[in-house]
Structures are given as C-alpha cells and as structure tokens.
Amino acid sequence: QVQVVESGGDLVQAGGSLRLSCAASGTGLVIDVMGWYRQAPGKQRELVATITRGGSILYADTVKGRFTISRDNAKNTGYLQMNSLKPEDTAVYYCNVRLSIWSLNRGNYWGQGTQVTVSS
C-alpha cells in the first residue's frame, strides 16, 4: 500500500556533500511530517531533521548549519542536503513519513535506509 524509498547514499570524503531523497508512493497519500533519522552500528537511531507539511523544520544540534531538509508535497518526496560531511555522520539514513488524517492510509512508514559513509 505505502512504500518509502531512500536513495542517494554513498561513500564520500570528509568535507564532501550528498543529497538524499525520500520518495513515498501509494494511493491517496497526504503526508503530515517527513523526517530523517540515522543509525550508526551499535548505536540507537537518532533524529536528524523533520519537516511538516506546512514547512516547520527542526534539526538535531549535530547537523544544524550543515544539513538542509526540504520536501515537495506535490511529489510526496523529501530531501536531505548534507554539506560539510564529517566521519561522525557515517550511518544508515532512514526516511520516515507520517500520514495525515486526510490520507487514505494512516500511520508511520519507514524506508529501508541508505548508507552514508564519510571517510577521513
């Protein structure tokens, strides 16, 4: 019914940039909140950034000033522009979508994750 697919992860050197995409698909999707989370090996999954349908944005302190979250509501697609990447940013990055009350399929949905590796 609902699919969430991340893309754009890669191996980059410190200081480099990546742009992650999150494409949600399904019938009658109306996405309330889109968020990016990441999980490094042996660590708990942590919030990176969220953006509401109205454009309200929150960033984790660790990425503030370096990452930019955005979304295209018409395409049900979200983005995470990552600049000045650090080795500490290495993780699997997951997209989460929360469907609004107007959506045909309610609930929270996660993508499969995309690997971001930042070398020193």
Protein backbone atom coordinates (compact mmCIF):
# COMPACT_ATOMS: atom_id res chain seq x y z
CA GLN A 1 0.00 0.00 0.00
CA VAL A 2 2.58 2.55 1.13
CA GLN A 3 6.21 2.46 0.11
CA VAL A 4 9.03 4.70 1.24
CA VAL A 5 12.33 4.51 -0.62
CA GLU A 6 15.50 6.41 0.20
CA SER A 7 18.30 6.98 -2.26
CA GLY A 8 21.47 8.98 -2.61
CA GLY A 9 23.72 7.40 -0.02
CA ASP A 10 27.33 6.97 -0.99
CA LEU A 11 30.93 6.91 0.14
CA VAL A 12 32.39 10.40 0.34
CA GLN A 13 35.39 12.11 1.86
CA ALA A 14 35.13 14.40 4.83
CA GLY A 15 34.01 17.84 3.75
CA GLY A 16 32.01 16.47 0.85
CA SER A 17 28.30 16.68 0.15
CA LEU A 18 25.44 14.33 -0.55
CA ARG A 19 21.78 14.79 -1.32
CA LEU A 20 19.42 12.11 -0.07
CA SER A 21 15.96 11.61 -1.50
CA CYS A 22 12.91 10.02 0.06
CA ALA A 23 10.13 9.01 -2.29
CA ALA A 24 6.80 7.94 -0.86
CA SER A 25 4.25 6.20 -3.02
CA GLY A 26 0.78 4.87 -2.58
CA THR A 27 -2.84 5.68 -3.19
CA GLY A 28 -4.24 8.83 -1.66
CA LEU A 29 -1.11 9.83 0.24
CA VAL A 30 -1.21 13.01 2.29
CA ILE A 31 1.99 13.29 4.29
CA ASP A 32 1.94 15.25 7.52
CA VAL A 33 5.54 15.01 8.71
CA MET A 34 8.63 13.79 6.91
CA GLY A 35 11.72 13.06 8.91
CA TRP A 36 15.25 11.83 8.50
CA TYR A 37 16.86 9.58 11.08
CA ARG A 38 20.19 7.84 11.18
CA GLN A 39 21.68 4.86 12.93
CA ALA A 40 25.35 4.04 13.26
CA PRO A 41 26.47 0.50 14.08
CA GLY A 42 25.92 -0.28 17.74
CA LYS A 43 24.10 2.97 18.35
CA GLN A 44 20.49 3.98 18.79
CA ARG A 45 18.63 5.51 15.91
CA GLU A 46 18.59 9.28 16.26
CA LEU A 47 16.61 12.09 14.75
CA VAL A 48 18.37 14.20 12.15
CA ALA A 49 15.67 16.57 10.94
CA THR A 50 11.93 16.81 10.45
CA ILE A 51 9.70 18.96 8.30
CA THR A 52 5.95 19.34 8.49
CA ARG A 53 3.64 19.76 5.55
CA GLY A 54 3.45 23.46 6.39
CA GLY A 55 7.22 23.80 6.32
CA SER A 56 8.09 23.86 10.02
CA ILE A 57 11.60 22.44 10.44
CA LEU A 58 13.61 21.00 13.30
CA TYR A 59 17.27 19.96 13.20
CA ALA A 60 19.41 17.99 15.55
CA ASP A 61 22.15 20.15 17.02
CA THR A 62 24.78 17.91 15.47
CA VAL A 63 23.70 18.74 11.92
CA LYS A 64 22.36 22.27 12.29
CA GLY A 65 24.04 24.60 9.84
CA ARG A 66 25.30 21.75 7.67
CA PHE A 67 22.17 19.84 6.64
CA THR A 68 19.05 21.16 4.97
CA ILE A 69 15.75 19.31 4.88
CA SER A 70 13.11 20.05 2.29
CA ARG A 71 10.10 18.47 0.65
CA ASP A 72 7.99 18.60 -2.46
CA ASN A 73 4.43 17.98 -1.35
CA ALA A 74 3.15 17.55 -4.88
CA LYS A 75 5.61 14.72 -5.47
CA ASN A 76 5.44 13.20 -1.97
CA THR A 77 9.20 13.43 -1.91
CA GLY A 78 11.59 14.68 0.73
CA TYR A 79 15.24 15.62 0.57
CA LEU A 80 18.18 15.98 2.86
CA GLN A 81 21.05 18.07 1.58
CA MET A 82 24.16 17.23 3.55
CA ASN A 83 27.17 19.52 3.35
CA SER A 84 30.49 19.59 5.18
CA LEU A 85 30.16 15.93 5.98
CA LYS A 86 32.13 14.50 8.86
CA PRO A 87 33.14 10.93 9.67
CA GLU A 88 30.72 11.13 12.59
CA ASP A 89 27.90 11.42 10.05
CA THR A 90 28.53 7.86 8.89
CA ALA A 91 25.33 5.89 9.38
CA VAL A 92 22.37 4.34 7.67
CA TYR A 93 19.94 7.13 6.99
CA TYR A 94 16.23 6.39 7.18
CA CYS A 95 13.26 8.36 5.98
CA ASN A 96 10.05 8.35 7.98
CA VAL A 97 6.71 9.61 6.78
CA ARG A 98 3.68 10.20 8.94
CA LEU A 99 0.44 10.33 7.05
CA SER A 100 -2.13 12.96 7.87
CA ILE A 101 -5.75 12.44 8.86
CA TRP A 102 -6.67 13.12 5.26
CA SER A 103 -4.62 10.27 3.91
CA LEU A 104 -6.22 7.08 2.69
CA ASN A 105 -3.66 5.04 4.63
CA ARG A 106 -2.92 6.35 8.13
CA GLY A 107 0.23 5.66 10.09
CA ASN A 108 4.00 5.90 10.16
CA TYR A 109 6.13 4.37 7.45
CA TRP A 110 9.86 3.81 7.21
CA GLY A 111 12.13 3.36 4.26
CA GLN A 112 14.75 0.66 4.02
CA GLY A 113 17.61 3.06 4.65
CA THR A 114 20.52 4.27 2.60
CA GLN A 115 24.15 4.00 3.65
CA VAL A 116 26.22 7.14 4.06
CA THR A 117 29.90 6.62 4.70
CA VAL A 118 32.25 9.53 5.27
CA SER A 119 35.95 8.78 5.19
CA SER A 120 38.63 10.77 6.98
